[in-house]
Amino acid sequence: MESESNNKVSNGLDGSTGAESMARRGNTCELILRVVALALTVAAAIVLGVDKQTKVVPIQIAPTLPAVNIAAQAKWHYLSAL
């Protein structure tokens, strides 16, 4: 009986052991990290979905003619990695 009570170390605040307190703190940190990761993933998806980039590309049809400037627009579905 005494060996059981010696194995538990109470923090004195709520009667829980140190291991239980650390486990709760670890679960809370893990939950916070998961929520932050989810929020950042959603934000990245939104930015990628609404982002557009326009660049003026000069195209020369013949060597004797001047170059024609055409605006090319890049969109999210042009990304091969996704």
N, C-alpha and C. Protein backbone atom coordinates (compact mmCIF):
# COMPACT_ATOMS: atom_id res chain seq x y z
N MET A 1 0.81 -1.18 0.00
CA MET A 1 0.00 0.00 0.00
C MET A 1 0.86 1.25 0.00
N GLU A 2 1.88 1.25 0.82
CA GLU A 2 2.74 2.42 0.86
C GLU A 2 3.52 2.58 -0.43
N SER A 3 3.83 1.49 -1.09
CA SER A 3 4.58 1.59 -2.35
C SER A 3 3.73 2.24 -3.43
N GLU A 4 2.40 2.02 -3.39
CA GLU A 4 1.52 2.66 -4.36
C GLU A 4 1.46 4.15 -4.13
N SER A 5 1.39 4.57 -2.90
CA SER A 5 1.30 6.00 -2.62
C SER A 5 2.63 6.70 -2.86
N ASN A 6 3.74 5.99 -2.77
CA ASN A 6 5.05 6.60 -3.01
C ASN A 6 5.30 6.81 -4.51
N ASN A 7 4.65 6.02 -5.37
CA ASN A 7 4.86 6.14 -6.81
C ASN A 7 4.17 7.37 -7.39
N LYS A 8 3.13 7.86 -6.75
CA LYS A 8 2.39 9.01 -7.25
C LYS A 8 2.91 10.27 -6.58
N VAL A 9 3.18 11.27 -7.40
CA VAL A 9 3.62 12.56 -6.89
C VAL A 9 2.52 13.55 -7.20
N SER A 10 1.94 14.12 -6.18
CA SER A 10 0.84 15.05 -6.37
C SER A 10 1.39 16.46 -6.52
N ASN A 11 0.77 17.25 -7.41
CA ASN A 11 1.20 18.62 -7.55
C ASN A 11 0.52 19.53 -6.53
N GLY A 12 -0.44 19.01 -5.79
CA GLY A 12 -1.04 19.74 -4.69
C GLY A 12 -2.17 20.66 -5.08
N LEU A 13 -2.41 20.90 -6.36
CA LEU A 13 -3.45 21.84 -6.76
C LEU A 13 -4.80 21.16 -6.92
N ASP A 14 -4.85 20.11 -7.71
CA ASP A 14 -6.12 19.43 -7.95
C ASP A 14 -6.08 17.95 -7.62
N GLY A 15 -5.03 17.51 -7.00
CA GLY A 15 -4.92 16.12 -6.61
C GLY A 15 -4.46 15.20 -7.71
N SER A 16 -4.19 15.73 -8.91
CA SER A 16 -3.73 14.88 -10.00
C SER A 16 -2.23 14.67 -9.88
N THR A 17 -1.79 13.62 -10.49
CA THR A 17 -0.36 13.32 -10.44
C THR A 17 0.37 14.17 -11.47
N GLY A 18 1.67 14.21 -11.38
CA GLY A 18 2.48 14.97 -12.33
C GLY A 18 2.36 14.42 -13.73
N ALA A 19 2.27 13.10 -13.86
CA ALA A 19 2.16 12.48 -15.18
C ALA A 19 0.83 12.84 -15.84
N GLU A 20 -0.25 12.85 -15.07
CA GLU A 20 -1.55 13.22 -15.62
C GLU A 20 -1.56 14.68 -16.06
N SER A 21 -0.95 15.53 -15.28
CA SER A 21 -0.88 16.95 -15.61
C SER A 21 -0.08 17.17 -16.89
N MET A 22 1.03 16.46 -17.03
CA MET A 22 1.85 16.57 -18.23
C MET A 22 1.09 16.04 -19.45
N ALA A 23 0.33 14.98 -19.27
CA ALA A 23 -0.44 14.41 -20.38
C ALA A 23 -1.51 15.39 -20.86
N ARG A 24 -2.17 16.05 -19.91
CA ARG A 24 -3.18 17.04 -20.27
C ARG A 24 -2.55 18.21 -21.00
N ARG A 25 -1.41 18.66 -20.53
CA ARG A 25 -0.72 19.77 -21.15
C ARG A 25 -0.26 19.38 -22.55
N GLY A 26 0.20 18.15 -22.72
CA GLY A 26 0.61 17.66 -24.03
C GLY A 26 -0.56 17.57 -24.99
N ASN A 27 -1.71 17.12 -24.49
CA ASN A 27 -2.90 17.04 -25.34
C ASN A 27 -3.36 18.42 -25.77
N THR A 28 -3.27 19.39 -24.86
CA THR A 28 -3.68 20.75 -25.18
C THR A 28 -2.76 21.34 -26.25
N CYS A 29 -1.45 21.15 -26.09
CA CYS A 29 -0.50 21.65 -27.08
C CYS A 29 -0.72 20.99 -28.43
N GLU A 30 -0.97 19.71 -28.43
CA GLU A 30 -1.21 18.99 -29.68
C GLU A 30 -2.48 19.51 -30.36
N LEU A 31 -3.52 19.75 -29.60
CA LEU A 31 -4.76 20.27 -30.16
C LEU A 31 -4.54 21.66 -30.76
N ILE A 32 -3.81 22.51 -30.05
CA ILE A 32 -3.54 23.85 -30.56
C ILE A 32 -2.74 23.78 -31.85
N LEU A 33 -1.72 22.93 -31.89
CA LEU A 33 -0.92 22.79 -33.11
C LEU A 33 -1.74 22.27 -34.28
N ARG A 34 -2.65 21.32 -34.01
CA ARG A 34 -3.49 20.80 -35.09
C ARG A 34 -4.44 21.87 -35.62
N VAL A 35 -5.00 22.68 -34.74
CA VAL A 35 -5.91 23.75 -35.17
C VAL A 35 -5.15 24.79 -35.98
N VAL A 36 -3.96 25.17 -35.53
CA VAL A 36 -3.15 26.14 -36.27
C VAL A 36 -2.77 25.58 -37.64
N ALA A 37 -2.38 24.31 -37.71
CA ALA A 37 -2.02 23.70 -38.98
C ALA A 37 -3.22 23.67 -39.93
N LEU A 38 -4.39 23.36 -39.42
CA LEU A 38 -5.59 23.34 -40.25
C LEU A 38 -5.91 24.75 -40.76
N ALA A 39 -5.82 25.74 -39.89
CA ALA A 39 -6.11 27.12 -40.29
C ALA A 39 -5.12 27.60 -41.36
N LEU A 40 -3.85 27.28 -41.20
CA LEU A 40 -2.86 27.69 -42.19
C LEU A 40 -3.05 26.96 -43.52
N THR A 41 -3.47 25.71 -43.48
CA THR A 41 -3.74 24.97 -44.71
C THR A 41 -4.92 25.57 -45.46
N VAL A 42 -5.97 25.91 -44.74
CA VAL A 42 -7.14 26.53 -45.36
C VAL A 42 -6.77 27.89 -45.94
N ALA A 43 -5.98 28.67 -45.21
CA ALA A 43 -5.55 29.99 -45.71
C ALA A 43 -4.71 29.85 -46.97
N ALA A 44 -3.82 28.88 -47.01
CA ALA A 44 -2.99 28.67 -48.19
C ALA A 44 -3.84 28.25 -49.39
N ALA A 45 -4.83 27.41 -49.16
CA ALA A 45 -5.70 26.97 -50.25
C ALA A 45 -6.52 28.14 -50.80
N ILE A 46 -6.98 29.01 -49.92
CA ILE A 46 -7.75 30.18 -50.36
C ILE A 46 -6.87 31.12 -51.17
N VAL A 47 -5.67 31.39 -50.67
CA VAL A 47 -4.75 32.29 -51.39
C VAL A 47 -4.40 31.70 -52.75
N LEU A 48 -4.15 30.43 -52.81
CA LEU A 48 -3.80 29.79 -54.08
C LEU A 48 -4.98 29.79 -55.04
N GLY A 49 -6.18 29.63 -54.52
CA GLY A 49 -7.36 29.58 -55.37
C GLY A 49 -7.74 30.91 -55.98
N VAL A 50 -7.52 32.02 -55.27
CA VAL A 50 -7.95 33.32 -55.77
C VAL A 50 -6.80 34.12 -56.38
N ASP A 51 -5.58 33.63 -56.29
CA ASP A 51 -4.43 34.35 -56.79
C ASP A 51 -4.33 34.26 -58.30
N LYS A 52 -4.02 35.37 -58.93
CA LYS A 52 -3.77 35.42 -60.36
C LYS A 52 -2.52 36.25 -60.58
N GLN A 53 -1.75 35.88 -61.57
CA GLN A 53 -0.55 36.61 -61.88
C GLN A 53 -0.53 36.90 -63.37
N THR A 54 -0.32 38.15 -63.72
CA THR A 54 -0.32 38.54 -65.12
C THR A 54 1.08 39.02 -65.49
N LYS A 55 1.54 38.58 -66.65
CA LYS A 55 2.84 38.98 -67.15
C LYS A 55 2.71 39.31 -68.63
N VAL A 56 3.35 40.38 -69.04
CA VAL A 56 3.34 40.77 -70.45
C VAL A 56 4.46 40.02 -71.15
N VAL A 57 4.07 39.25 -72.18
CA VAL A 57 5.02 38.42 -72.92
C VAL A 57 5.13 38.97 -74.35
N PRO A 58 6.35 39.35 -74.76
CA PRO A 58 6.50 39.81 -76.15
C PRO A 58 6.62 38.61 -77.10
N ILE A 59 5.81 38.61 -78.15
CA ILE A 59 5.84 37.54 -79.14
C ILE A 59 6.19 38.16 -80.49
N GLN A 60 7.22 37.61 -81.11
CA GLN A 60 7.64 38.11 -82.41
C GLN A 60 7.23 37.09 -83.47
N ILE A 61 6.37 37.51 -84.38
CA ILE A 61 5.84 36.62 -85.41
C ILE A 61 6.86 36.41 -86.53
N ALA A 62 7.44 37.49 -86.97
CA ALA A 62 8.45 37.41 -88.04
C ALA A 62 9.64 38.28 -87.63
N PRO A 63 10.83 37.95 -88.09
CA PRO A 63 12.00 38.73 -87.70
C PRO A 63 11.96 40.19 -88.17
N THR A 64 11.21 40.45 -89.21
CA THR A 64 11.16 41.83 -89.73
C THR A 64 10.08 42.66 -89.05
N LEU A 65 9.13 42.02 -88.37
CA LEU A 65 8.04 42.74 -87.71
C LEU A 65 8.39 43.01 -86.25
N PRO A 66 7.81 44.08 -85.67
CA PRO A 66 8.06 44.34 -84.25
C PRO A 66 7.32 43.31 -83.38
N ALA A 67 7.80 43.16 -82.17
CA ALA A 67 7.19 42.19 -81.24
C ALA A 67 5.81 42.68 -80.80
N VAL A 68 4.90 41.74 -80.61
CA VAL A 68 3.56 42.04 -80.14
C VAL A 68 3.50 41.65 -78.66
N ASN A 69 3.12 42.59 -77.82
CA ASN A 69 3.02 42.33 -76.38
C ASN A 69 1.65 41.75 -76.05
N ILE A 70 1.65 40.58 -75.45
CA ILE A 70 0.40 39.91 -75.07
C ILE A 70 0.45 39.64 -73.57
N ALA A 71 -0.63 39.96 -72.89
CA ALA A 71 -0.71 39.71 -71.44
C ALA A 71 -1.12 38.26 -71.22
N ALA A 72 -0.27 37.52 -70.52
CA ALA A 72 -0.57 36.13 -70.19
C ALA A 72 -0.90 36.05 -68.70
N GLN A 73 -1.91 35.29 -68.39
CA GLN A 73 -2.36 35.20 -67.00
C GLN A 73 -2.16 33.78 -66.48
N ALA A 74 -1.50 33.65 -65.34
CA ALA A 74 -1.29 32.35 -64.71
C ALA A 74 -2.39 32.13 -63.66
N LYS A 75 -2.94 30.93 -63.63
CA LYS A 75 -4.00 30.59 -62.69
C LYS A 75 -3.60 29.35 -61.91
N TRP A 76 -4.39 29.02 -60.90
CA TRP A 76 -4.04 27.90 -60.02
C TRP A 76 -4.05 26.57 -60.75
N HIS A 77 -4.88 26.39 -61.74
CA HIS A 77 -4.95 25.08 -62.39
C HIS A 77 -3.81 24.86 -63.39
N TYR A 78 -2.94 25.85 -63.57
CA TYR A 78 -1.75 25.67 -64.39
C TYR A 78 -0.60 25.06 -63.58
N LEU A 79 -0.77 24.92 -62.29
CA LEU A 79 0.27 24.35 -61.43
C LEU A 79 0.24 22.82 -61.55
N SER A 80 1.32 22.26 -62.02
CA SER A 80 1.35 20.82 -62.22
C SER A 80 1.55 20.08 -60.89
N ALA A 81 2.08 20.73 -59.87
CA ALA A 81 2.35 20.07 -58.60
C ALA A 81 1.07 19.71 -57.86
N LEU A 82 0.01 20.43 -58.13
CA LEU A 82 -1.24 20.16 -57.42
C LEU A 82 -2.05 19.11 -58.16
